[in-house]
PDB file of N, CA and C in Angstrom:
ATOM      1  N   MET A   1     -15.750  22.176  37.829  1.00  0.00           N
ATOM      2  CA  MET A   1     -16.857  22.582  38.388  1.00  0.00           C
ATOM      3  C   MET A   1     -17.246  20.900  39.061  1.00  0.00           C
ATOM      4  N   ARG A   2     -17.811  20.974  40.332  1.00  0.00           N
ATOM      5  CA  ARG A   2     -18.015  19.705  40.954  1.00  0.00           C
ATOM      6  C   ARG A   2     -19.334  19.398  41.287  1.00  0.00           C
ATOM      7  N   GLY A   3     -20.121  18.309  40.903  1.00  0.00           N
ATOM      8  CA  GLY A   3     -21.332  18.061  41.208  1.00  0.00           C
ATOM      9  C   GLY A   3     -22.238  19.130  40.818  1.00  0.00           C
ATOM     10  N   HIS A   4     -23.268  19.392  41.425  1.00  0.00           N
ATOM     11  CA  HIS A   4     -24.425  20.381  41.082  1.00  0.00           C
ATOM     12  C   HIS A   4     -24.493  21.396  42.128  1.00  0.00           C
ATOM     13  N   GLN A   5     -23.391  22.219  42.398  1.00  0.00           N
ATOM     14  CA  GLN A   5     -23.539  23.124  43.440  1.00  0.00           C
ATOM     15  C   GLN A   5     -24.254  24.268  42.685  1.00  0.00           C
ATOM     16  N   PRO A   6     -24.903  25.031  43.667  1.00  0.00           N
ATOM     17  CA  PRO A   6     -25.777  26.074  43.183  1.00  0.00           C
ATOM     18  C   PRO A   6     -24.799  27.327  42.618  1.00  0.00           C
ATOM     19  N   VAL A   7     -25.470  27.919  41.766  1.00  0.00           N
ATOM     20  CA  VAL A   7     -24.781  28.981  41.042  1.00  0.00           C
ATOM     21  C   VAL A   7     -25.456  30.235  41.305  1.00  0.00           C
ATOM     22  N   GLY A   8     -24.676  31.325  41.515  1.00  0.00           N
ATOM     23  CA  GLY A   8     -25.254  32.553  41.963  1.00  0.00           C
ATOM     24  C   GLY A   8     -25.253  32.623  43.615  1.00  0.00           C
ATOM     25  N   GLY A   9     -25.559  33.690  44.080  1.00  0.00           N
ATOM     26  CA  GLY A   9     -25.623  33.949  45.620  1.00  0.00           C
ATOM     27  C   GLY A   9     -24.252  34.208  46.114  1.00  0.00           C
ATOM     28  N   ALA A  10     -23.978  33.828  47.398  1.00  0.00           N
ATOM     29  CA  ALA A  10     -22.808  34.018  48.026  1.00  0.00           C
ATOM     30  C   ALA A  10     -21.757  33.182  47.655  1.00  0.00           C
ATOM     31  N   GLY A  11     -20.616  33.623  47.240  1.00  0.00           N
ATOM     32  CA  GLY A  11     -19.566  32.885  46.734  1.00  0.00           C
ATOM     33  C   GLY A  11     -19.763  32.538  45.247  1.00  0.00           C
ATOM     34  N   ALA A  12     -20.667  33.165  44.718  1.00  0.00           N
ATOM     35  CA  ALA A  12     -20.693  32.970  43.115  1.00  0.00           C
ATOM     36  C   ALA A  12     -19.558  33.759  42.393  1.00  0.00           C
ATOM     37  N   ALA A  13     -19.329  33.282  41.251  1.00  0.00           N
ATOM     38  CA  ALA A  13     -18.556  33.975  40.390  1.00  0.00           C
ATOM     39  C   ALA A  13     -18.734  35.368  39.820  1.00  0.00           C
ATOM     40  N   ASP A  14     -17.985  36.313  39.815  1.00  0.00           N
ATOM     41  CA  ASP A  14     -18.301  37.686  39.247  1.00  0.00           C
ATOM     42  C   ASP A  14     -18.331  37.481  37.616  1.00  0.00           C
ATOM     43  N   LEU A  15     -17.460  36.504  37.119  1.00  0.00           N
ATOM     44  CA  LEU A  15     -17.319  36.596  35.622  1.00  0.00           C
ATOM     45  C   LEU A  15     -16.902  35.126  35.402  1.00  0.00           C
ATOM     46  N   VAL A  16     -17.322  34.780  34.166  1.00  0.00           N
ATOM     47  CA  VAL A  16     -16.940  33.354  33.537  1.00  0.00           C
ATOM     48  C   VAL A  16     -16.144  33.726  32.327  1.00  0.00           C
ATOM     49  N   ILE A  17     -14.858  33.063  32.112  1.00  0.00           N
ATOM     50  CA  ILE A  17     -14.289  33.302  30.954  1.00  0.00           C
ATOM     51  C   ILE A  17     -14.192  31.867  30.192  1.00  0.00           C
ATOM     52  N   VAL A  18     -14.680  31.969  28.967  1.00  0.00           N
ATOM     53  CA  VAL A  18     -14.544  30.550  28.221  1.00  0.00           C
ATOM     54  C   VAL A  18     -13.556  30.798  27.154  1.00  0.00           C
ATOM     55  N   ASN A  19     -12.684  30.001  26.754  1.00  0.00           N
ATOM     56  CA  ASN A  19     -11.751  30.041  25.905  1.00  0.00           C
ATOM     57  C   ASN A  19     -12.347  30.389  24.421  1.00  0.00           C
ATOM     58  N   ARG A  20     -13.409  29.540  24.024  1.00  0.00           N
ATOM     59  CA  ARG A  20     -13.994  29.808  22.659  1.00  0.00           C
ATOM     60  C   ARG A  20     -15.325  29.049  22.530  1.00  0.00           C
ATOM     61  N   PHE A  21     -16.146  29.674  21.689  1.00  0.00           N
ATOM     62  CA  PHE A  21     -17.428  28.923  21.306  1.00  0.00           C
ATOM     63  C   PHE A  21     -17.199  28.333  20.015  1.00  0.00           C
ATOM     64  N   GLY A  22     -17.399  27.030  19.936  1.00  0.00           N
ATOM     65  CA  GLY A  22     -17.219  26.372  18.620  1.00  0.00           C
ATOM     66  C   GLY A  22     -18.319  25.334  18.353  1.00  0.00           C
ATOM     67  N   LYS A  23     -17.917  24.440  17.375  1.00  0.00           N
ATOM     68  CA  LYS A  23     -18.939  23.397  17.038  1.00  0.00           C
ATOM     69  C   LYS A  23     -19.464  22.555  18.141  1.00  0.00           C
ATOM     70  N   ARG A  24     -18.597  22.143  19.228  1.00  0.00           N
ATOM     71  CA  ARG A  24     -19.031  21.273  20.103  1.00  0.00           C
ATOM     72  C   ARG A  24     -20.248  22.049  21.115  1.00  0.00           C
ATOM     73  N   GLU A  25     -19.862  23.337  21.337  1.00  0.00           N
ATOM     74  CA  GLU A  25     -20.818  24.105  22.150  1.00  0.00           C
ATOM     75  C   GLU A  25     -22.147  24.234  21.331  1.00  0.00           C
ATOM     76  N   ARG A  26     -21.961  24.555  20.035  1.00  0.00           N
ATOM     77  CA  ARG A  26     -23.070  24.776  19.102  1.00  0.00           C
ATOM     78  C   ARG A  26     -23.973  23.468  19.246  1.00  0.00           C
ATOM     79  N   ASP A  27     -23.358  22.367  19.296  1.00  0.00           N
ATOM     80  CA  ASP A  27     -24.094  21.089  19.384  1.00  0.00           C
ATOM     81  C   ASP A  27     -24.577  20.600  20.575  1.00  0.00           C
ATOM     82  N   GLY A  28     -24.471  21.563  21.777  1.00  0.00           N
ATOM     83  CA  GLY A  28     -24.802  21.274  22.938  1.00  0.00           C
ATOM     84  C   GLY A  28     -23.780  20.408  23.846  1.00  0.00           C
ATOM     85  N   LYS A  29     -22.607  20.411  23.372  1.00  0.00           N
ATOM     86  CA  LYS A  29     -21.530  19.652  24.042  1.00  0.00           C
ATOM     87  C   LYS A  29     -20.550  20.480  24.434  1.00  0.00           C
ATOM     88  N   GLY A  30     -19.243  20.115  24.768  1.00  0.00           N
ATOM     89  CA  GLY A  30     -18.213  20.941  25.262  1.00  0.00           C
ATOM     90  C   GLY A  30     -18.613  21.716  26.508  1.00  0.00           C
ATOM     91  N   LEU A  31     -18.294  23.020  26.478  1.00  0.00           N
ATOM     92  CA  LEU A  31     -18.556  24.000  27.499  1.00  0.00           C
ATOM     93  C   LEU A  31     -19.994  24.717  27.501  1.00  0.00           C
ATOM     94  N   GLY A  32     -20.940  24.181  26.642  1.00  0.00           N
ATOM     95  CA  GLY A  32     -22.132  24.845  26.423  1.00  0.00           C
ATOM     96  C   GLY A  32     -22.917  24.965  27.820  1.00  0.00           C
ATOM     97  N   PHE A  33     -22.801  23.717  28.586  1.00  0.00           N
ATOM     98  CA  PHE A  33     -23.531  23.836  29.915  1.00  0.00           C
ATOM     99  C   PHE A  33     -23.012  24.857  30.858  1.00  0.00           C
ATOM    100  N   VAL A  34     -21.653  25.062  30.804  1.00  0.00           N
ATOM    101  CA  VAL A  34     -21.158  26.184  31.690  1.00  0.00           C
ATOM    102  C   VAL A  34     -21.748  27.394  31.283  1.00  0.00           C
ATOM    103  N   ILE A  35     -21.632  27.644  29.875  1.00  0.00           N
ATOM    104  CA  ILE A  35     -22.123  28.931  29.540  1.00  0.00           C
ATOM    105  C   ILE A  35     -23.658  29.218  29.857  1.00  0.00           C
ATOM    106  N   GLU A  36     -24.441  28.213  29.805  1.00  0.00           N
ATOM    107  CA  GLU A  36     -25.860  28.207  30.035  1.00  0.00           C
ATOM    108  C   GLU A  36     -25.993  28.493  31.448  1.00  0.00           C
ATOM    109  N   ARG A  37     -25.484  27.789  32.451  1.00  0.00           N
ATOM    110  CA  ARG A  37     -25.480  27.976  33.803  1.00  0.00           C
ATOM    111  C   ARG A  37     -25.073  29.310  34.251  1.00  0.00           C
ATOM    112  N   ALA A  38     -24.190  29.919  33.681  1.00  0.00           N
ATOM    113  CA  ALA A  38     -23.581  31.248  33.909  1.00  0.00           C
ATOM    114  C   ALA A  38     -24.732  32.228  33.568  1.00  0.00           C
ATOM    115  N   LEU A  39     -25.125  32.183  32.402  1.00  0.00           N
ATOM    116  CA  LEU A  39     -26.184  33.020  31.812  1.00  0.00           C
ATOM    117  C   LEU A  39     -27.382  32.873  32.661  1.00  0.00           C
ATOM    118  N   ASP A  40     -27.914  31.790  32.986  1.00  0.00           N
ATOM    119  CA  ASP A  40     -28.967  31.629  33.836  1.00  0.00           C
ATOM    120  C   ASP A  40     -29.124  32.443  35.315  1.00  0.00           C
ATOM    121  N   ALA A  41     -27.681  32.188  35.703  1.00  0.00           N
ATOM    122  CA  ALA A  41     -27.348  32.969  37.037  1.00  0.00           C
ATOM    123  C   ALA A  41     -26.987  34.333  36.808  1.00  0.00           C
ATOM    124  N   ASP A  42     -27.301  35.019  35.643  1.00  0.00           N
ATOM    125  CA  ASP A  42     -26.900  36.420  35.509  1.00  0.00           C
ATOM    126  C   ASP A  42     -25.359  36.636  35.729  1.00  0.00           C
ATOM    127  N   ILE A  43     -24.621  35.747  35.450  1.00  0.00           N
ATOM    128  CA  ILE A  43     -23.098  35.930  35.496  1.00  0.00           C
ATOM    129  C   ILE A  43     -22.617  36.208  34.280  1.00  0.00           C
ATOM    130  N   PRO A  44     -21.959  37.314  33.961  1.00  0.00           N
ATOM    131  CA  PRO A  44     -21.357  37.776  32.621  1.00  0.00           C
ATOM    132  C   PRO A  44     -20.437  36.663  32.187  1.00  0.00           C
ATOM    133  N   VAL A  45     -20.367  36.564  30.853  1.00  0.00           N
ATOM    134  CA  VAL A  45     -19.490  35.481  30.296  1.00  0.00           C
ATOM    135  C   VAL A  45     -18.750  36.190  29.174  1.00  0.00           C
ATOM    136  N   VAL A  46     -17.335  35.975  29.254  1.00  0.00           N
ATOM    137  CA  VAL A  46     -16.489  36.487  28.247  1.00  0.00           C
ATOM    138  C   VAL A  46     -16.083  35.374  27.348  1.00  0.00           C
ATOM    139  N   ILE A  47     -16.338  35.398  26.171  1.00  0.00           N
ATOM    140  CA  ILE A  47     -16.033  34.289  25.237  1.00  0.00           C
ATOM    141  C   ILE A  47     -15.623  34.710  23.792  1.00  0.00           C
ATOM    142  N   ALA A  48     -14.333  34.008  23.239  1.00  0.00           N
ATOM    143  CA  ALA A  48     -14.064  34.268  21.996  1.00  0.00           C
ATOM    144  C   ALA A  48     -14.897  33.525  21.012  1.00  0.00           C
ATOM    145  N   VAL A  49     -15.372  34.359  19.967  1.00  0.00           N
ATOM    146  CA  VAL A  49     -16.089  33.709  18.924  1.00  0.00           C
ATOM    147  C   VAL A  49     -15.672  33.904  17.544  1.00  0.00           C
ATOM    148  N   SER A  50     -15.268  32.930  16.749  1.00  0.00           N
ATOM    149  CA  SER A  50     -14.688  33.227  15.355  1.00  0.00           C
ATOM    150  C   SER A  50     -15.847  33.765  14.414  1.00  0.00           C
ATOM    151  N   CYS A  51     -15.450  34.428  13.479  1.00  0.00           N
ATOM    152  CA  CYS A  51     -16.349  34.905  12.512  1.00  0.00           C
ATOM    153  C   CYS A  51     -17.173  33.904  11.927  1.00  0.00           C
ATOM    154  N   GLN A  52     -16.702  32.685  11.657  1.00  0.00           N
ATOM    155  CA  GLN A  52     -17.513  31.338  11.240  1.00  0.00           C
ATOM    156  C   GLN A  52     -18.475  30.938  12.139  1.00  0.00           C
ATOM    157  N   SER A  53     -18.373  31.102  13.384  1.00  0.00           N
ATOM    158  CA  SER A  53     -19.160  30.691  14.482  1.00  0.00           C
ATOM    159  C   SER A  53     -20.044  31.606  14.995  1.00  0.00           C
ATOM    160  N   PHE A  54     -19.939  32.979  14.496  1.00  0.00           N
ATOM    161  CA  PHE A  54     -20.794  34.114  15.213  1.00  0.00           C
ATOM    162  C   PHE A  54     -22.317  33.870  14.977  1.00  0.00           C
ATOM    163  N   ALA A  55     -22.779  33.426  13.823  1.00  0.00           N
ATOM    164  CA  ALA A  55     -24.332  33.324  13.628  1.00  0.00           C
ATOM    165  C   ALA A  55     -24.729  32.062  14.669  1.00  0.00           C
ATOM    166  N   ASP A  56     -23.890  31.162  14.846  1.00  0.00           N
ATOM    167  CA  ASP A  56     -24.391  30.054  15.683  1.00  0.00           C
ATOM    168  C   ASP A  56     -24.233  30.594  17.294  1.00  0.00           C
ATOM    169  N   TRP A  57     -23.355  31.456  17.462  1.00  0.00           N
ATOM    170  CA  TRP A  57     -23.365  32.064  18.860  1.00  0.00           C
ATOM    171  C   TRP A  57     -24.520  32.924  19.158  1.00  0.00           C
ATOM    172  N   ILE A  58     -24.909  33.626  18.189  1.00  0.00           N
ATOM    173  CA  ILE A  58     -26.222  34.547  18.460  1.00  0.00           C
ATOM    174  C   ILE A  58     -27.348  33.718  18.534  1.00  0.00           C
ATOM    175  N   LYS A  59     -27.422  32.545  17.880  1.00  0.00           N
ATOM    176  CA  LYS A  59     -28.683  31.735  18.053  1.00  0.00           C
ATOM    177  C   LYS A  59     -28.567  31.033  19.422  1.00  0.00           C
ATOM    178  N   PHE A  60     -27.357  30.547  19.858  1.00  0.00           N
ATOM    179  CA  PHE A  60     -27.160  29.977  21.124  1.00  0.00           C
ATOM    180  C   PHE A  60     -27.321  30.878  22.296  1.00  0.00           C
ATOM    181  N   ALA A  61     -26.974  32.177  22.173  1.00  0.00           N
ATOM    182  CA  ALA A  61     -27.239  33.202  23.183  1.00  0.00           C
ATOM    183  C   ALA A  61     -28.544  33.878  23.115  1.00  0.00           C
ATOM    184  N   GLY A  62     -29.327  33.510  22.191  1.00  0.00           N
ATOM    185  CA  GLY A  62     -30.652  33.973  21.996  1.00  0.00           C
ATOM    186  C   GLY A  62     -30.516  35.504  21.632  1.00  0.00           C
ATOM    187  N   GLY A  63     -29.494  35.765  21.092  1.00  0.00           N
ATOM    188  CA  GLY A  63     -29.341  37.402  20.636  1.00  0.00           C
ATOM    189  C   GLY A  63     -28.920  38.249  21.984  1.00  0.00           C
ATOM    190  N   MET A  64     -28.754  37.625  22.950  1.00  0.00           N
ATOM    191  CA  MET A  64     -28.422  38.540  24.253  1.00  0.00           C
ATOM    192  C   MET A  64     -26.951  38.392  24.373  1.00  0.00           C
ATOM    193  N   SER A  65     -26.194  39.267  23.684  1.00  0.00           N
ATOM    194  CA  SER A  65     -24.759  39.262  23.883  1.00  0.00           C
ATOM    195  C   SER A  65     -24.424  40.551  23.319  1.00  0.00           C
ATOM    196  N   VAL A  66     -23.149  40.934  23.700  1.00  0.00           N
ATOM    197  CA  VAL A  66     -22.511  42.208  23.399  1.00  0.00           C
ATOM    198  C   VAL A  66     -21.237  41.923  22.542  1.00  0.00           C
ATOM    199  N   LYS A  67     -21.202  42.406  21.337  1.00  0.00           N
ATOM    200  CA  LYS A  67     -19.847  42.241  20.642  1.00  0.00           C
ATOM    201  C   LYS A  67     -18.892  43.366  21.020  1.00  0.00           C
ATOM    202  N   LEU A  68     -17.624  42.819  21.427  1.00  0.00           N
ATOM    203  CA  LEU A  68     -16.621  43.801  21.758  1.00  0.00           C
ATOM    204  C   LEU A  68     -15.470  43.704  20.696  1.00  0.00           C
ATOM    205  N   ALA A  69     -14.855  44.885  20.545  1.00  0.00           N
ATOM    206  CA  ALA A  69     -13.616  44.768  19.886  1.00  0.00           C
ATOM    207  C   ALA A  69     -12.556  44.017  20.597  1.00  0.00           C
ATOM    208  N   CYS A  70     -11.803  43.375  19.846  1.00  0.00           N
ATOM    209  CA  CYS A  70     -10.762  42.448  20.447  1.00  0.00           C
ATOM    210  C   CYS A  70      -9.493  43.366  20.919  1.00  0.00           C
ATOM    211  N   ASP A  71      -9.824  44.026  21.855  1.00  0.00           N
ATOM    212  CA  ASP A  71      -8.714  44.982  22.609  1.00  0.00           C
ATOM    213  C   ASP A  71      -9.100  45.120  24.002  1.00  0.00           C
ATOM    214  N   ARG A  72      -8.018  45.299  24.747  1.00  0.00           N
ATOM    215  CA  ARG A  72      -8.133  45.564  26.273  1.00  0.00           C
ATOM    216  C   ARG A  72      -8.968  46.653  26.674  1.00  0.00           C
ATOM    217  N   HIS A  73      -9.121  47.852  25.954  1.00  0.00           N
ATOM    218  CA  HIS A  73      -9.769  49.083  26.355  1.00  0.00           C
ATOM    219  C   HIS A  73     -11.385  48.625  26.184  1.00  0.00           C
ATOM    220  N   ALA A  74     -11.720  47.911  25.113  1.00  0.00           N
ATOM    221  CA  ALA A  74     -13.161  47.561  25.027  1.00  0.00           C
ATOM    222  C   ALA A  74     -13.563  46.745  26.094  1.00  0.00           C
ATOM    223  N   LEU A  75     -12.789  45.743  26.482  1.00  0.00           N
ATOM    224  CA  LEU A  75     -12.963  44.903  27.638  1.00  0.00           C
ATOM    225  C   LEU A  75     -13.134  45.348  28.840  1.00  0.00           C
ATOM    226  N   ASP A  76     -12.043  46.451  29.232  1.00  0.00           N
ATOM    227  CA  ASP A  76     -12.009  47.086  30.451  1.00  0.00           C
ATOM    228  C   ASP A  76     -13.265  47.990  30.587  1.00  0.00           C
ATOM    229  N   ALA A  77     -13.757  48.751  29.494  1.00  0.00           N
ATOM    230  CA  ALA A  77     -14.954  49.591  29.576  1.00  0.00           C
ATOM    231  C   ALA A  77     -16.332  48.709  29.616  1.00  0.00           C
ATOM    232  N   TRP A  78     -16.261  47.601  29.127  1.00  0.00           N
ATOM    233  CA  TRP A  78     -17.466  46.645  29.240  1.00  0.00           C
ATOM    234  C   TRP A  78     -17.546  46.220  30.585  1.00  0.00           C
ATOM    235  N   TRP A  79     -16.540  45.760  31.178  1.00  0.00           N
ATOM    236  CA  TRP A  79     -16.339  45.208  32.513  1.00  0.00           C
ATOM    237  C   TRP A  79     -16.783  46.364  33.612  1.00  0.00           C
ATOM    238  N   ARG A  80     -16.211  47.452  33.506  1.00  0.00           N
ATOM    239  CA  ARG A  80     -16.591  48.602  34.476  1.00  0.00           C
ATOM    240  C   ARG A  80     -18.049  48.708  34.402  1.00  0.00           C
ATOM    241  N   SER A  81     -18.797  48.708  33.197  1.00  0.00           N
ATOM    242  CA  SER A  81     -20.054  48.983  33.159  1.00  0.00           C
ATOM    243  C   SER A  81     -20.915  47.810  33.738  1.00  0.00           C
ATOM    244  N   VAL A  82     -20.467  46.640  33.490  1.00  0.00           N
ATOM    245  CA  VAL A  82     -21.072  45.397  33.996  1.00  0.00           C
ATOM    246  C   VAL A  82     -21.021  45.316  35.610  1.00  0.00           C
ATOM    247  N   SER A  83     -19.738  45.511  36.138  1.00  0.00           N
ATOM    248  CA  SER A  83     -19.350  45.271  37.445  1.00  0.00           C
ATOM    249  C   SER A  83     -19.835  46.344  38.185  1.00  0.00           C
ATOM    250  N   LEU A  84     -19.939  47.565  37.785  1.00  0.00           N
ATOM    251  CA  LEU A  84     -20.375  48.573  38.677  1.00  0.00           C
ATOM    252  C   LEU A  84     -21.908  48.535  38.701  1.00  0.00           C
ATOM    253  N   ARG A  85     -22.631  48.188  37.872  1.00  0.00           N
ATOM    254  CA  ARG A  85     -24.044  47.871  37.847  1.00  0.00           C
ATOM    255  C   ARG A  85     -24.383  46.843  38.833  1.00  0.00           C
ATOM    256  N   THR A  86     -23.710  45.807  38.774  1.00  0.00           N
ATOM    257  CA  THR A  86     -23.928  44.605  39.752  1.00  0.00           C
ATOM    258  C   THR A  86     -23.520  44.901  41.219  1.00  0.00           C
ATOM    259  N   THR A  87     -22.289  45.558  41.338  1.00  0.00           N
ATOM    260  CA  THR A  87     -22.011  45.843  42.731  1.00  0.00           C
ATOM    261  C   THR A  87     -22.702  46.748  43.348  1.00  0.00           C
ATOM    262  N   ALA A  88     -22.964  47.910  42.735  1.00  0.00           N
ATOM    263  CA  ALA A  88     -23.825  49.155  43.233  1.00  0.00           C
ATOM    264  C   ALA A  88     -25.360  48.856  43.150  1.00  0.00           C
ATOM    265  N   ARG A  89     -25.648  47.704  42.303  1.00  0.00           N
ATOM    266  CA  ARG A  89     -27.189  47.468  42.146  1.00  0.00           C
ATOM    267  C   ARG A  89     -27.881  48.661  41.622  1.00  0.00           C
ATOM    268  N   ILE A  90     -27.072  49.272  40.642  1.00  0.00           N
ATOM    269  CA  ILE A  90     -27.705  50.525  40.079  1.00  0.00           C
ATOM    270  C   ILE A  90     -28.639  49.914  38.893  1.00  0.00           C
ATOM    271  N   ALA A  91     -29.968  50.350  38.940  1.00  0.00           N
ATOM    272  CA  ALA A  91     -30.710  50.047  37.963  1.00  0.00           C
ATOM    273  C   ALA A  91     -30.575  50.869  36.736  1.00  0.00           C
ATOM    274  N   PRO A  92     -30.693  50.277  35.435  1.00  0.00           N
ATOM    275  CA  PRO A  92     -30.489  51.078  34.348  1.00  0.00           C
ATOM    276  C   PRO A  92     -31.504  51.988  34.193  1.00  0.00           C
ATOM    277  N   ASP A  93     -31.473  53.036  33.377  1.00  0.00           N
ATOM    278  CA  ASP A  93     -32.493  53.917  33.202  1.00  0.00           C
ATOM    279  C   ASP A  93     -33.527  53.466  32.153  1.00  0.00           C
ATOM    280  N   HIS A  94     -33.353  52.216  31.675  1.00  0.00           N
ATOM    281  CA  HIS A  94     -34.126  51.594  30.571  1.00  0.00           C
ATOM    282  C   HIS A  94     -34.227  50.118  30.784  1.00  0.00           C
ATOM    283  N   THR A  95     -35.213  49.575  30.159  1.00  0.00           N
ATOM    284  CA  THR A  95     -35.294  48.157  30.421  1.00  0.00           C
ATOM    285  C   THR A  95     -34.273  47.428  29.307  1.00  0.00           C
ATOM    286  N   THR A  96     -33.232  46.571  29.888  1.00  0.00           N
ATOM    287  CA  THR A  96     -32.481  46.010  28.958  1.00  0.00           C
ATOM    288  C   THR A  96     -32.972  44.863  28.179  1.00  0.00           C
ATOM    289  N   VAL A  97     -32.402  44.418  27.110  1.00  0.00           N
ATOM    290  CA  VAL A  97     -32.859  43.261  26.318  1.00  0.00           C
ATOM    291  C   VAL A  97     -32.885  41.945  27.263  1.00  0.00           C
ATOM    292  N   CYS A  98     -31.916  41.764  28.058  1.00  0.00           N
ATOM    293  CA  CYS A  98     -31.757  40.680  28.964  1.00  0.00           C
ATOM    294  C   CYS A  98     -32.889  40.579  30.077  1.00  0.00           C
ATOM    295  N   GLU A  99     -33.202  41.823  30.517  1.00  0.00           N
ATOM    296  CA  GLU A  99     -34.308  41.881  31.390  1.00  0.00           C
ATOM    297  C   GLU A  99     -35.816  41.700  30.704  1.00  0.00           C
ATOM    298  N   ALA A 100     -35.869  42.122  29.453  1.00  0.00           N
ATOM    299  CA  ALA A 100     -37.049  41.948  28.798  1.00  0.00           C
ATOM    300  C   ALA A 100     -37.344  40.357  28.491  1.00  0.00           C
ATOM    301  N   PHE A 101     -36.249  39.704  28.369  1.00  0.00           N
ATOM    302  CA  PHE A 101     -36.494  38.103  27.984  1.00  0.00           C
ATOM    303  C   PHE A 101     -36.530  37.165  29.127  1.00  0.00           C
ATOM    304  N   LYS A 102     -36.261  37.795  30.378  1.00  0.00           N
ATOM    305  CA  LYS A 102     -36.374  37.021  31.620  1.00  0.00           C
ATOM    306  C   LYS A 102     -37.826  36.556  31.901  1.00  0.00           C
TER     307      LYS A 102
END
């Protein structure tokens, strides 16, 4: 990432993939700023979180996360749900947790 380019809008990423969430991110270092910018721009983030760091992740994410099984089918199903809603701008039939906390 270079400078302070705008996040979101035309040319924005559809998805951010981060290798893992660990102590550095928990402490506000590492790739924490990338995760925060993506979430602020409503860009979905896929990130590996160990069992030992999961409580820290929940606190960091403000509880706004979805825990997926570590397999391709779970990831594919989640992505279809997220990308179709974004692409088609389909409003959910209920208020999501993320929308309630905006």
